[in-house]
Every structure is written in structure tokens, then in C-alpha cells.
Amino acid sequence: MAELVTIARPYAEAAFSVAQAESASSPKAFEAWSEFLQKLAAISEDKQIRVLYGNPAVSPDQITQLMVETSGASNESMKNFIGLLASNQRLETLSCVSGLYEDLKNQANATLSATVETAFKLSTAELSEIQALLEKKYGRSVKATPVLNEALIGGVRISVGDEVIDASVSGKLSTMATALMN
């Protein structure tokens, strides 16, 4: 996994730099790139697309054209970005590129990204309450992303960067099992 991040980081930084340059003339450039990279990441995960990577019968130009048409790349820099990834055989890194781009965008906006795992679907009000508590704790704007994880049994596990706040039933059971074994 570390290797994939290492490969993807320069591409995410390049996309972020282009979005910064484009933001001078288009205030929605950061969001446009964000949506574009998320679409590309979703497309790149499709099984029918993945079989094309490394296929000698399909040229990088053909893959580029397919990805441009499928993603709806709206400007020349986005088309060139896809072409660069395809020619360097790095399309499999798109999910990681998208995530790293979001991290860079959040960092520039002084926003933290939090993953809120719960065993049951959270209401909008509950997610907003958790987000408000996190913003108070960290003193920064927080973008909370809900994730269902039935293995938690109940409660919540929140990940902010490399910090994990585990208030789940499974986390408590694990802690209790460890205490009993020692």
C-alpha cells in the first residue's frame, strides 16, 4: 500500500497545482478537479476498464480517449492529466490520487477529514452533531464522512488523520478481552 501512495502522491500534487492555477480564473476549479478525480477513481475500479490496463492490444491513446469520454473531462488540463497517467501506466493509482488530492485540498482550506464508522446508518442531525464536536475538539473545520461497519456492533469509531477515537462496542469488548488475558 505504501508503494501505491508513493506512486500516486506526485500525480495528486500535480492535479492540486493545476487546480490552484486554474482557480485564479475559475473559483470552482478545486471542486471541479475533486469531482473529476472521484469520477476517474470510480471508472478505474470498474472490472471492464481494469482489464485494459497493460493490455498490449490497447494503446495508451485509446485508453486515454475512453477515460476522457467516460469521465467527461471538461478542459484540456484534465485530458492531459488522463493522458499522462495512461502513458505512464498509472491509471490503477487513481483511487489513491483522488484521496491524496482531497487531503491536499482540505489541508489548504484548513479542513480536517474524518471518517465516522457506525454499525447503523446515522441521521443527518447525528452526523452534524458529531462533526460539531470534532470541530470543537480540533478547533478547525471538519468534513465528516459516514461509513457503515456492522462489525462495530454499536457505538462509533472516528478516524481523523492517524488518530482513532474508538467508542464502539467491539472496541470495548476487545479492550476487555485484552485486560482479562493479562
C-alpha atoms as a PDB file:
ATOM      1  CA  MET A   1       0.000   0.000   0.000  1.00  0.00           C
ATOM      2  CA  ALA A   2       2.824   2.406   0.834  1.00  0.00           C
ATOM      3  CA  GLU A   3       4.222   1.927  -2.664  1.00  0.00           C
ATOM      4  CA  LEU A   4       0.894   2.903  -4.248  1.00  0.00           C
ATOM      5  CA  VAL A   5       0.760   6.076  -2.151  1.00  0.00           C
ATOM      6  CA  THR A   6       4.344   6.890  -3.113  1.00  0.00           C
ATOM      7  CA  ILE A   7       3.494   6.495  -6.792  1.00  0.00           C
ATOM      8  CA  ALA A   8       0.215   8.428  -6.533  1.00  0.00           C
ATOM      9  CA  ARG A   9       1.474  11.397  -4.490  1.00  0.00           C
ATOM     10  CA  PRO A  10       3.227  13.287  -7.341  1.00  0.00           C
ATOM     11  CA  TYR A  11       0.123  12.958  -9.523  1.00  0.00           C
ATOM     12  CA  ALA A  12      -2.135  14.249  -6.732  1.00  0.00           C
ATOM     13  CA  GLU A  13       0.239  17.158  -6.124  1.00  0.00           C
ATOM     14  CA  ALA A  14       0.302  17.930  -9.864  1.00  0.00           C
ATOM     15  CA  ALA A  15      -3.510  17.900 -10.043  1.00  0.00           C
ATOM     16  CA  PHE A  16      -3.658  20.168  -6.992  1.00  0.00           C
ATOM     17  CA  SER A  17      -1.140  22.586  -8.540  1.00  0.00           C
ATOM     18  CA  VAL A  18      -3.153  22.745 -11.758  1.00  0.00           C
ATOM     19  CA  ALA A  19      -6.359  23.333  -9.769  1.00  0.00           C
ATOM     20  CA  GLN A  20      -4.607  26.149  -7.881  1.00  0.00           C
ATOM     21  CA  ALA A  21      -3.515  27.756 -11.149  1.00  0.00           C
ATOM     22  CA  GLU A  22      -6.989  27.371 -12.646  1.00  0.00           C
ATOM     23  CA  SER A  23      -8.645  28.801  -9.517  1.00  0.00           C
ATOM     24  CA  ALA A  24      -7.383  32.263 -10.485  1.00  0.00           C
ATOM     25  CA  SER A  25      -9.783  32.294 -13.438  1.00  0.00           C
ATOM     26  CA  SER A  26     -12.366  29.798 -12.181  1.00  0.00           C
ATOM     27  CA  PRO A  27     -13.362  29.884  -8.496  1.00  0.00           C
ATOM     28  CA  LYS A  28     -14.787  26.356  -8.669  1.00  0.00           C
ATOM     29  CA  ALA A  29     -11.597  24.776 -10.028  1.00  0.00           C
ATOM     30  CA  PHE A  30     -10.805  22.882  -6.814  1.00  0.00           C
ATOM     31  CA  GLU A  31     -14.288  21.334  -6.720  1.00  0.00           C
ATOM     32  CA  ALA A  32     -14.230  20.595 -10.456  1.00  0.00           C
ATOM     33  CA  TRP A  33     -10.953  18.701 -10.059  1.00  0.00           C
ATOM     34  CA  SER A  34     -12.266  16.954  -6.972  1.00  0.00           C
ATOM     35  CA  GLU A  35     -15.362  15.695  -8.819  1.00  0.00           C
ATOM     36  CA  PHE A  36     -13.269  14.801 -11.866  1.00  0.00           C
ATOM     37  CA  LEU A  37     -10.802  12.719  -9.834  1.00  0.00           C
ATOM     38  CA  GLN A  38     -13.618  10.986  -7.943  1.00  0.00           C
ATOM     39  CA  LYS A  39     -15.267  10.048 -11.276  1.00  0.00           C
ATOM     40  CA  LEU A  40     -11.946   8.798 -12.627  1.00  0.00           C
ATOM     41  CA  ALA A  41     -11.353   6.748  -9.486  1.00  0.00           C
ATOM     42  CA  ALA A  42     -14.786   5.136  -9.806  1.00  0.00           C
ATOM     43  CA  ILE A  43     -14.260   4.427 -13.511  1.00  0.00           C
ATOM     44  CA  SER A  44     -10.791   2.995 -12.900  1.00  0.00           C
ATOM     45  CA  GLU A  45     -12.228   0.479 -10.410  1.00  0.00           C
ATOM     46  CA  ASP A  46     -14.619  -0.978 -12.999  1.00  0.00           C
ATOM     47  CA  LYS A  47     -13.638  -4.545 -13.925  1.00  0.00           C
ATOM     48  CA  GLN A  48     -14.152  -3.927 -17.649  1.00  0.00           C
ATOM     49  CA  ILE A  49     -11.793  -0.948 -17.549  1.00  0.00           C
ATOM     50  CA  ARG A  50      -9.176  -2.666 -15.375  1.00  0.00           C
ATOM     51  CA  VAL A  51      -8.638  -5.445 -17.943  1.00  0.00           C
ATOM     52  CA  LEU A  52      -7.479  -2.781 -20.420  1.00  0.00           C
ATOM     53  CA  TYR A  53      -4.542  -1.714 -18.226  1.00  0.00           C
ATOM     54  CA  GLY A  54      -1.386  -3.270 -19.553  1.00  0.00           C
ATOM     55  CA  ASN A  55      -3.221  -4.948 -22.454  1.00  0.00           C
ATOM     56  CA  PRO A  56      -0.817  -4.785 -25.424  1.00  0.00           C
ATOM     57  CA  ALA A  57      -3.760  -4.670 -27.872  1.00  0.00           C
ATOM     58  CA  VAL A  58      -4.955  -1.373 -26.362  1.00  0.00           C
ATOM     59  CA  SER A  59      -2.733   1.683 -26.719  1.00  0.00           C
ATOM     60  CA  PRO A  60      -2.429   4.380 -24.051  1.00  0.00           C
ATOM     61  CA  ASP A  61      -4.088   6.786 -26.504  1.00  0.00           C
ATOM     62  CA  GLN A  62      -7.117   4.508 -26.793  1.00  0.00           C
ATOM     63  CA  ILE A  63      -7.390   4.199 -23.004  1.00  0.00           C
ATOM     64  CA  THR A  64      -6.988   7.970 -22.694  1.00  0.00           C
ATOM     65  CA  GLN A  65      -9.787   8.569 -25.191  1.00  0.00           C
ATOM     66  CA  LEU A  66     -12.056   6.105 -23.384  1.00  0.00           C
ATOM     67  CA  MET A  67     -11.350   7.668 -19.985  1.00  0.00           C
ATOM     68  CA  VAL A  68     -11.847  11.215 -21.345  1.00  0.00           C
ATOM     69  CA  GLU A  69     -15.218  10.303 -22.852  1.00  0.00           C
ATOM     70  CA  THR A  70     -16.364   8.347 -19.800  1.00  0.00           C
ATOM     71  CA  SER A  71     -15.262  10.918 -17.214  1.00  0.00           C
ATOM     72  CA  GLY A  72     -16.498  13.966 -19.063  1.00  0.00           C
ATOM     73  CA  ALA A  73     -13.137  15.744 -18.750  1.00  0.00           C
ATOM     74  CA  SER A  74     -14.113  19.376 -19.239  1.00  0.00           C
ATOM     75  CA  ASN A  75     -10.833  21.047 -20.081  1.00  0.00           C
ATOM     76  CA  GLU A  76      -7.509  20.408 -21.753  1.00  0.00           C
ATOM     77  CA  SER A  77      -5.561  20.061 -18.487  1.00  0.00           C
ATOM     78  CA  MET A  78      -7.878  17.251 -17.348  1.00  0.00           C
ATOM     79  CA  LYS A  79      -7.469  15.476 -20.687  1.00  0.00           C
ATOM     80  CA  ASN A  80      -3.699  15.864 -20.457  1.00  0.00           C
ATOM     81  CA  PHE A  81      -3.761  14.504 -16.899  1.00  0.00           C
ATOM     82  CA  ILE A  82      -5.532  11.336 -18.063  1.00  0.00           C
ATOM     83  CA  GLY A  83      -3.085  11.031 -20.952  1.00  0.00           C
ATOM     84  CA  LEU A  84      -0.126  11.332 -18.595  1.00  0.00           C
ATOM     85  CA  LEU A  85      -1.482   8.631 -16.287  1.00  0.00           C
ATOM     86  CA  ALA A  86      -2.261   6.328 -19.217  1.00  0.00           C
ATOM     87  CA  SER A  87       1.121   6.789 -20.919  1.00  0.00           C
ATOM     88  CA  ASN A  88       2.935   6.132 -17.632  1.00  0.00           C
ATOM     89  CA  GLN A  89       0.670   3.132 -16.906  1.00  0.00           C
ATOM     90  CA  ARG A  90      -0.515   4.660 -13.633  1.00  0.00           C
ATOM     91  CA  LEU A  91      -4.306   4.508 -14.064  1.00  0.00           C
ATOM     92  CA  GLU A  92      -4.528   1.927 -11.280  1.00  0.00           C
ATOM     93  CA  THR A  93      -3.450   4.638  -8.821  1.00  0.00           C
ATOM     94  CA  LEU A  94      -6.484   6.856  -9.468  1.00  0.00           C
ATOM     95  CA  SER A  95      -8.316   5.980  -6.244  1.00  0.00           C
ATOM     96  CA  CYS A  96      -5.236   6.872  -4.250  1.00  0.00           C
ATOM     97  CA  VAL A  97      -4.639  10.031  -6.326  1.00  0.00           C
ATOM     98  CA  SER A  98      -8.201  11.146  -5.618  1.00  0.00           C
ATOM     99  CA  GLY A  99      -7.825  10.577  -1.867  1.00  0.00           C
ATOM    100  CA  LEU A 100      -4.485  12.381  -1.711  1.00  0.00           C
ATOM    101  CA  TYR A 101      -5.905  15.291  -3.713  1.00  0.00           C
ATOM    102  CA  GLU A 102      -8.756  15.591  -1.193  1.00  0.00           C
ATOM    103  CA  ASP A 103      -6.205  15.635   1.636  1.00  0.00           C
ATOM    104  CA  LEU A 104      -4.263  18.433  -0.081  1.00  0.00           C
ATOM    105  CA  LYS A 105      -7.449  20.399  -0.731  1.00  0.00           C
ATOM    106  CA  ASN A 106      -8.578  20.005   2.890  1.00  0.00           C
ATOM    107  CA  GLN A 107      -5.150  20.993   4.162  1.00  0.00           C
ATOM    108  CA  ALA A 108      -5.212  24.149   2.024  1.00  0.00           C
ATOM    109  CA  ASN A 109      -8.671  25.000   3.357  1.00  0.00           C
ATOM    110  CA  ALA A 110      -7.623  24.234   6.961  1.00  0.00           C
ATOM    111  CA  THR A 111     -10.210  21.439   6.980  1.00  0.00           C
ATOM    112  CA  LEU A 112      -9.749  18.068   8.624  1.00  0.00           C
ATOM    113  CA  SER A 113     -11.182  14.941   7.075  1.00  0.00           C
ATOM    114  CA  ALA A 114     -12.849  12.490   9.458  1.00  0.00           C
ATOM    115  CA  THR A 115     -14.255   9.012   8.850  1.00  0.00           C
ATOM    116  CA  VAL A 116     -17.163   8.212  11.147  1.00  0.00           C
ATOM    117  CA  GLU A 117     -17.789   4.457  11.283  1.00  0.00           C
ATOM    118  CA  THR A 118     -21.032   3.225  12.815  1.00  0.00           C
ATOM    119  CA  ALA A 119     -22.897  -0.073  12.905  1.00  0.00           C
ATOM    120  CA  PHE A 120     -26.133   1.698  11.931  1.00  0.00           C
ATOM    121  CA  LYS A 121     -26.919   4.492   9.491  1.00  0.00           C
ATOM    122  CA  LEU A 122     -26.561   7.932  11.071  1.00  0.00           C
ATOM    123  CA  SER A 123     -29.191  10.612  10.582  1.00  0.00           C
ATOM    124  CA  THR A 124     -28.065  13.957   9.195  1.00  0.00           C
ATOM    125  CA  ALA A 125     -28.585  15.527  12.627  1.00  0.00           C
ATOM    126  CA  GLU A 126     -26.435  12.883  14.356  1.00  0.00           C
ATOM    127  CA  LEU A 127     -23.634  13.307  11.798  1.00  0.00           C
ATOM    128  CA  SER A 128     -23.829  17.093  12.185  1.00  0.00           C
ATOM    129  CA  GLU A 129     -23.597  16.742  15.969  1.00  0.00           C
ATOM    130  CA  ILE A 130     -20.502  14.528  15.695  1.00  0.00           C
ATOM    131  CA  GLN A 131     -18.994  16.955  13.190  1.00  0.00           C
ATOM    132  CA  ALA A 132     -19.643  19.904  15.552  1.00  0.00           C
ATOM    133  CA  LEU A 133     -17.993  18.035  18.451  1.00  0.00           C
ATOM    134  CA  LEU A 134     -14.954  17.259  16.284  1.00  0.00           C
ATOM    135  CA  GLU A 135     -14.700  20.883  15.155  1.00  0.00           C
ATOM    136  CA  LYS A 136     -14.777  21.971  18.799  1.00  0.00           C
ATOM    137  CA  LYS A 137     -12.131  19.379  19.766  1.00  0.00           C
ATOM    138  CA  TYR A 138      -9.715  20.228  16.921  1.00  0.00           C
ATOM    139  CA  GLY A 139     -10.512  23.941  16.543  1.00  0.00           C
ATOM    140  CA  ARG A 140     -10.771  23.540  12.771  1.00  0.00           C
ATOM    141  CA  SER A 141     -13.418  22.862  10.188  1.00  0.00           C
ATOM    142  CA  VAL A 142     -14.109  19.119   9.839  1.00  0.00           C
ATOM    143  CA  LYS A 143     -15.559  17.220   6.899  1.00  0.00           C
ATOM    144  CA  ALA A 144     -17.099  14.029   8.311  1.00  0.00           C
ATOM    145  CA  THR A 145     -17.716  11.056   6.031  1.00  0.00           C
ATOM    146  CA  PRO A 146     -20.068   8.373   7.389  1.00  0.00           C
ATOM    147  CA  VAL A 147     -19.177   4.705   6.835  1.00  0.00           C
ATOM    148  CA  LEU A 148     -21.289   1.682   7.782  1.00  0.00           C
ATOM    149  CA  ASN A 149     -19.351  -1.053   9.576  1.00  0.00           C
ATOM    150  CA  GLU A 150     -21.644  -3.680  11.110  1.00  0.00           C
ATOM    151  CA  ALA A 151     -18.675  -5.354  12.804  1.00  0.00           C
ATOM    152  CA  LEU A 152     -18.662  -2.495  15.343  1.00  0.00           C
ATOM    153  CA  ILE A 153     -21.908  -3.926  16.839  1.00  0.00           C
ATOM    154  CA  GLY A 154     -22.770  -0.464  18.209  1.00  0.00           C
ATOM    155  CA  GLY A 155     -21.200   2.872  19.042  1.00  0.00           C
ATOM    156  CA  VAL A 156     -18.834   4.794  16.829  1.00  0.00           C
ATOM    157  CA  ARG A 157     -15.207   4.745  15.647  1.00  0.00           C
ATOM    158  CA  ILE A 158     -13.864   8.056  14.351  1.00  0.00           C
ATOM    159  CA  SER A 159     -10.622   8.394  12.392  1.00  0.00           C
ATOM    160  CA  VAL A 160      -9.056  11.823  11.957  1.00  0.00           C
ATOM    161  CA  GLY A 161      -5.704  11.535  10.254  1.00  0.00           C
ATOM    162  CA  ASP A 162      -3.730   8.960  12.248  1.00  0.00           C
ATOM    163  CA  GLU A 163      -5.829   9.448  15.407  1.00  0.00           C
ATOM    164  CA  VAL A 164      -8.626   6.953  16.125  1.00  0.00           C
ATOM    165  CA  ILE A 165     -11.355   7.520  18.686  1.00  0.00           C
ATOM    166  CA  ASP A 166     -12.914   4.119  19.312  1.00  0.00           C
ATOM    167  CA  ALA A 167     -16.169   4.225  21.275  1.00  0.00           C
ATOM    168  CA  SER A 168     -17.596   1.114  19.645  1.00  0.00           C
ATOM    169  CA  VAL A 169     -18.935  -1.984  21.354  1.00  0.00           C
ATOM    170  CA  SER A 170     -16.430  -4.189  19.514  1.00  0.00           C
ATOM    171  CA  GLY A 171     -13.592  -1.878  20.623  1.00  0.00           C
ATOM    172  CA  LYS A 172     -14.731  -2.073  24.243  1.00  0.00           C
ATOM    173  CA  LEU A 173     -15.024  -5.879  24.018  1.00  0.00           C
ATOM    174  CA  SER A 174     -11.532  -6.099  22.529  1.00  0.00           C
ATOM    175  CA  THR A 175     -10.122  -3.920  25.327  1.00  0.00           C
ATOM    176  CA  MET A 176     -11.892  -6.039  27.942  1.00  0.00           C
ATOM    177  CA  ALA A 177     -10.613  -9.287  26.387  1.00  0.00           C
ATOM    178  CA  THR A 178      -7.063  -7.958  26.436  1.00  0.00           C
ATOM    179  CA  ALA A 179      -7.413  -6.893  30.086  1.00  0.00           C
ATOM    180  CA  LEU A 180      -8.754 -10.312  31.073  1.00  0.00           C
ATOM    181  CA  MET A 181      -5.900 -12.132  29.326  1.00  0.00           C
ATOM    182  CA  ASN A 182      -3.257 -10.057  31.119  1.00  0.00           C
END
